[in-house]
Amino acid sequence: MRLTRFTDVALRVLMRLAVAEGADAPTTREVADTMRVPYTHTAKVVARLQHLGLLDARRGRGGGLTLTTAGLSASIGALVRELEGTDDVVECEGPTPCPLRSACRLRGALRKAQDAFYASLDPITVTDLVASPTGPLLLGIGSGPRTD
């Protein structure tokens, strides 16, 4: 299983904001530059995370992005489920259904593996992800060349 770029960026945005607590709230552009992600992609991620209640975005002077309490304590497993969906890893019933679907053991094995993947992420929170040594490293990352 591979996470989409959207989910990857969402997790990195949350981690970056988790270490910004108490400092000036970074803007979407500053977070995009720091994490070396295109601004337009970061803006879409920020809008979705705001919709989920995980961060606040304020415009204008004194504005910026801040994590909510829910954002700090968000379960990584729940967040990945929300962003990735819980569809099967393989598509057995699609436009050209698999001829093995009535007696296949692969689908069940992959579902079990997917459930174990999410279960292993469930107890981990955003706060856990930025514990040392990650948090200090995130604080030390400066702007670099963007990928947009």
C-alpha atoms as a PDB file:
ATOM      1  CA  MET A   1       0.000   0.000   0.000  1.00  0.00           C
ATOM      2  CA  ARG A   2       1.263   3.446  -0.863  1.00  0.00           C
ATOM      3  CA  LEU A   3      -0.087   6.730   0.480  1.00  0.00           C
ATOM      4  CA  THR A   4      -1.137   9.385  -1.987  1.00  0.00           C
ATOM      5  CA  ARG A   5       0.923  12.546  -2.239  1.00  0.00           C
ATOM      6  CA  PHE A   6      -2.041  14.419  -0.742  1.00  0.00           C
ATOM      7  CA  THR A   7      -1.947  12.348   2.463  1.00  0.00           C
ATOM      8  CA  ASP A   8       1.838  12.607   2.658  1.00  0.00           C
ATOM      9  CA  VAL A   9       1.681  16.403   2.396  1.00  0.00           C
ATOM     10  CA  ALA A  10      -1.174  16.570   4.914  1.00  0.00           C
ATOM     11  CA  LEU A  11       0.864  14.656   7.496  1.00  0.00           C
ATOM     12  CA  ARG A  12       3.927  16.842   6.891  1.00  0.00           C
ATOM     13  CA  VAL A  13       1.848  20.050   7.171  1.00  0.00           C
ATOM     14  CA  LEU A  14       0.398  18.884  10.488  1.00  0.00           C
ATOM     15  CA  MET A  15       3.859  17.982  11.765  1.00  0.00           C
ATOM     16  CA  ARG A  16       5.260  21.365  10.738  1.00  0.00           C
ATOM     17  CA  LEU A  17       2.421  23.200  12.443  1.00  0.00           C
ATOM     18  CA  ALA A  18       2.766  21.086  15.587  1.00  0.00           C
ATOM     19  CA  VAL A  19       6.268  22.469  16.154  1.00  0.00           C
ATOM     20  CA  ALA A  20       5.183  26.031  15.353  1.00  0.00           C
ATOM     21  CA  GLU A  21       3.083  26.259  18.531  1.00  0.00           C
ATOM     22  CA  GLY A  22       4.010  29.385  20.477  1.00  0.00           C
ATOM     23  CA  ALA A  23       5.847  30.920  17.513  1.00  0.00           C
ATOM     24  CA  ASP A  24       4.464  33.136  14.795  1.00  0.00           C
ATOM     25  CA  ALA A  25       1.873  31.183  12.853  1.00  0.00           C
ATOM     26  CA  PRO A  26       3.356  30.321   9.450  1.00  0.00           C
ATOM     27  CA  THR A  27       1.452  31.039   6.265  1.00  0.00           C
ATOM     28  CA  THR A  28       0.505  28.397   3.734  1.00  0.00           C
ATOM     29  CA  ARG A  29       3.272  29.663   1.455  1.00  0.00           C
ATOM     30  CA  GLU A  30       5.867  29.462   4.246  1.00  0.00           C
ATOM     31  CA  VAL A  31       4.835  25.900   5.079  1.00  0.00           C
ATOM     32  CA  ALA A  32       4.925  24.962   1.379  1.00  0.00           C
ATOM     33  CA  ASP A  33       8.399  26.450   0.989  1.00  0.00           C
ATOM     34  CA  THR A  34       9.716  24.827   4.161  1.00  0.00           C
ATOM     35  CA  MET A  35       8.339  21.400   3.275  1.00  0.00           C
ATOM     36  CA  ARG A  36       9.365  21.839  -0.396  1.00  0.00           C
ATOM     37  CA  VAL A  37       5.881  21.184  -1.703  1.00  0.00           C
ATOM     38  CA  PRO A  38       4.099  23.204  -4.414  1.00  0.00           C
ATOM     39  CA  TYR A  39       2.019  26.014  -2.943  1.00  0.00           C
ATOM     40  CA  THR A  40      -1.148  25.060  -4.847  1.00  0.00           C
ATOM     41  CA  HIS A  41      -0.987  21.508  -3.540  1.00  0.00           C
ATOM     42  CA  THR A  42      -0.337  22.744   0.000  1.00  0.00           C
ATOM     43  CA  ALA A  43      -3.282  25.145  -0.230  1.00  0.00           C
ATOM     44  CA  LYS A  44      -5.624  22.270  -1.151  1.00  0.00           C
ATOM     45  CA  VAL A  45      -4.299  20.208   1.750  1.00  0.00           C
ATOM     46  CA  VAL A  46      -4.703  23.136   4.165  1.00  0.00           C
ATOM     47  CA  ALA A  47      -8.321  23.647   3.023  1.00  0.00           C
ATOM     48  CA  ARG A  48      -9.109  19.970   3.643  1.00  0.00           C
ATOM     49  CA  LEU A  49      -7.415  19.926   7.059  1.00  0.00           C
ATOM     50  CA  GLN A  50      -9.289  23.089   8.003  1.00  0.00           C
ATOM     51  CA  HIS A  51     -12.563  21.473   6.898  1.00  0.00           C
ATOM     52  CA  LEU A  52     -11.718  18.479   9.141  1.00  0.00           C
ATOM     53  CA  GLY A  53     -11.208  20.852  12.082  1.00  0.00           C
ATOM     54  CA  LEU A  54      -7.523  20.018  12.458  1.00  0.00           C
ATOM     55  CA  LEU A  55      -6.168  23.498  11.797  1.00  0.00           C
ATOM     56  CA  ASP A  56      -7.239  27.113  11.749  1.00  0.00           C
ATOM     57  CA  ALA A  57      -6.274  29.432   8.918  1.00  0.00           C
ATOM     58  CA  ARG A  58      -6.433  33.176   9.456  1.00  0.00           C
ATOM     59  CA  ARG A  59      -5.855  35.727   6.707  1.00  0.00           C
ATOM     60  CA  GLY A  60      -4.238  39.116   6.913  1.00  0.00           C
ATOM     61  CA  ARG A  61      -1.916  40.743   9.420  1.00  0.00           C
ATOM     62  CA  GLY A  62      -1.334  38.417  12.338  1.00  0.00           C
ATOM     63  CA  GLY A  63      -2.797  35.547  10.343  1.00  0.00           C
ATOM     64  CA  GLY A  64      -1.364  32.188   9.518  1.00  0.00           C
ATOM     65  CA  LEU A  65      -1.930  28.524  10.229  1.00  0.00           C
ATOM     66  CA  THR A  66      -2.317  26.988  13.669  1.00  0.00           C
ATOM     67  CA  LEU A  67      -3.242  23.517  14.796  1.00  0.00           C
ATOM     68  CA  THR A  68      -6.388  23.024  16.786  1.00  0.00           C
ATOM     69  CA  THR A  69      -6.461  20.843  19.889  1.00  0.00           C
ATOM     70  CA  ALA A  70      -8.052  18.168  17.697  1.00  0.00           C
ATOM     71  CA  GLY A  71      -5.164  18.529  15.262  1.00  0.00           C
ATOM     72  CA  LEU A  72      -2.538  17.945  17.939  1.00  0.00           C
ATOM     73  CA  SER A  73      -4.257  14.846  19.260  1.00  0.00           C
ATOM     74  CA  ALA A  74      -5.439  13.475  15.906  1.00  0.00           C
ATOM     75  CA  SER A  75      -4.880   9.763  15.376  1.00  0.00           C
ATOM     76  CA  ILE A  76      -2.673   9.176  12.365  1.00  0.00           C
ATOM     77  CA  GLY A  77      -4.634   6.012  11.557  1.00  0.00           C
ATOM     78  CA  ALA A  78      -7.946   7.883  11.575  1.00  0.00           C
ATOM     79  CA  LEU A  79      -6.495  10.692   9.491  1.00  0.00           C
ATOM     80  CA  VAL A  80      -5.019   8.342   6.892  1.00  0.00           C
ATOM     81  CA  ARG A  81      -8.354   6.487   6.689  1.00  0.00           C
ATOM     82  CA  GLU A  82     -10.139   9.807   6.169  1.00  0.00           C
ATOM     83  CA  LEU A  83      -7.777  10.997   3.452  1.00  0.00           C
ATOM     84  CA  GLU A  84      -7.125   7.680   1.704  1.00  0.00           C
ATOM     85  CA  GLY A  85     -10.513   6.053   2.146  1.00  0.00           C
ATOM     86  CA  THR A  86     -11.078   2.466   3.160  1.00  0.00           C
ATOM     87  CA  ASP A  87     -11.519   0.904  -0.254  1.00  0.00           C
ATOM     88  CA  ASP A  88      -9.957  -2.479  -0.865  1.00  0.00           C
ATOM     89  CA  VAL A  89      -6.329  -2.498  -1.940  1.00  0.00           C
ATOM     90  CA  VAL A  90      -7.340  -4.409  -5.058  1.00  0.00           C
ATOM     91  CA  GLU A  91     -10.459  -3.927  -7.162  1.00  0.00           C
ATOM     92  CA  CYS A  92     -12.216  -7.237  -7.572  1.00  0.00           C
ATOM     93  CA  GLU A  93     -15.638  -5.988  -8.669  1.00  0.00           C
ATOM     94  CA  GLY A  94     -14.633  -3.249 -11.120  1.00  0.00           C
ATOM     95  CA  PRO A  95     -15.650  -2.832 -14.773  1.00  0.00           C
ATOM     96  CA  THR A  96     -13.911  -6.110 -15.579  1.00  0.00           C
ATOM     97  CA  PRO A  97     -14.537  -8.239 -12.483  1.00  0.00           C
ATOM     98  CA  CYS A  98     -11.818 -10.667 -11.494  1.00  0.00           C
ATOM     99  CA  PRO A  99     -12.714 -14.225 -12.481  1.00  0.00           C
ATOM    100  CA  LEU A 100     -11.314 -15.465  -9.149  1.00  0.00           C
ATOM    101  CA  ARG A 101     -13.509 -13.262  -6.945  1.00  0.00           C
ATOM    102  CA  SER A 102     -15.887 -16.018  -5.821  1.00  0.00           C
ATOM    103  CA  ALA A 103     -13.120 -18.200  -4.381  1.00  0.00           C
ATOM    104  CA  CYS A 104     -10.146 -15.839  -3.985  1.00  0.00           C
ATOM    105  CA  ARG A 105      -8.162 -15.701  -0.774  1.00  0.00           C
ATOM    106  CA  LEU A 106      -6.008 -12.771  -1.853  1.00  0.00           C
ATOM    107  CA  ARG A 107      -8.702 -10.141  -1.278  1.00  0.00           C
ATOM    108  CA  GLY A 108      -9.206 -11.258   2.340  1.00  0.00           C
ATOM    109  CA  ALA A 109      -5.469 -11.412   3.000  1.00  0.00           C
ATOM    110  CA  LEU A 110      -4.977  -7.906   1.616  1.00  0.00           C
ATOM    111  CA  ARG A 111      -7.920  -6.576   3.654  1.00  0.00           C
ATOM    112  CA  LYS A 112      -6.397  -8.093   6.785  1.00  0.00           C
ATOM    113  CA  ALA A 113      -3.037  -6.464   5.981  1.00  0.00           C
ATOM    114  CA  GLN A 114      -4.719  -3.108   5.348  1.00  0.00           C
ATOM    115  CA  ASP A 115      -6.571  -3.340   8.671  1.00  0.00           C
ATOM    116  CA  ALA A 116      -3.292  -4.129  10.446  1.00  0.00           C
ATOM    117  CA  PHE A 117      -1.643  -1.136   8.721  1.00  0.00           C
ATOM    118  CA  TYR A 118      -4.326   1.245   9.981  1.00  0.00           C
ATOM    119  CA  ALA A 119      -4.413  -0.375  13.433  1.00  0.00           C
ATOM    120  CA  SER A 120      -0.665   0.176  13.808  1.00  0.00           C
ATOM    121  CA  LEU A 121      -1.177   3.898  13.057  1.00  0.00           C
ATOM    122  CA  ASP A 122      -4.246   4.364  15.296  1.00  0.00           C
ATOM    123  CA  PRO A 123      -2.426   4.992  18.604  1.00  0.00           C
ATOM    124  CA  ILE A 124       0.043   7.453  17.052  1.00  0.00           C
ATOM    125  CA  THR A 125      -0.869  11.144  17.231  1.00  0.00           C
ATOM    126  CA  VAL A 126       0.502  14.226  15.520  1.00  0.00           C
ATOM    127  CA  THR A 127       2.159  15.151  18.810  1.00  0.00           C
ATOM    128  CA  ASP A 128       3.895  11.754  18.863  1.00  0.00           C
ATOM    129  CA  LEU A 129       5.268  12.347  15.375  1.00  0.00           C
ATOM    130  CA  VAL A 130       7.077  15.527  16.382  1.00  0.00           C
ATOM    131  CA  ALA A 131       8.776  14.180  19.503  1.00  0.00           C
ATOM    132  CA  SER A 132      12.553  14.458  19.497  1.00  0.00           C
ATOM    133  CA  PRO A 133      14.499  14.148  17.227  1.00  0.00           C
ATOM    134  CA  THR A 134      11.862  15.068  14.614  1.00  0.00           C
ATOM    135  CA  GLY A 135      10.529  18.250  16.230  1.00  0.00           C
ATOM    136  CA  PRO A 136      13.891  19.983  16.551  1.00  0.00           C
ATOM    137  CA  LEU A 137      14.740  18.977  12.984  1.00  0.00           C
ATOM    138  CA  LEU A 138      11.469  20.475  11.722  1.00  0.00           C
ATOM    139  CA  LEU A 139      12.232  23.723  13.534  1.00  0.00           C
ATOM    140  CA  GLY A 140      15.637  23.881  11.877  1.00  0.00           C
ATOM    141  CA  ILE A 141      14.409  23.370   8.325  1.00  0.00           C
ATOM    142  CA  GLY A 142      14.649  26.566   6.340  1.00  0.00           C
ATOM    143  CA  SER A 143      13.241  27.511   3.015  1.00  0.00           C
ATOM    144  CA  GLY A 144      14.734  25.682   0.097  1.00  0.00           C
ATOM    145  CA  PRO A 145      14.002  25.423  -3.579  1.00  0.00           C
ATOM    146  CA  ARG A 146      10.330  24.753  -4.229  1.00  0.00           C
ATOM    147  CA  THR A 147       9.036  22.015  -6.470  1.00  0.00           C
ATOM    148  CA  ASP A 148       6.365  24.067  -8.245  1.00  0.00           C
END
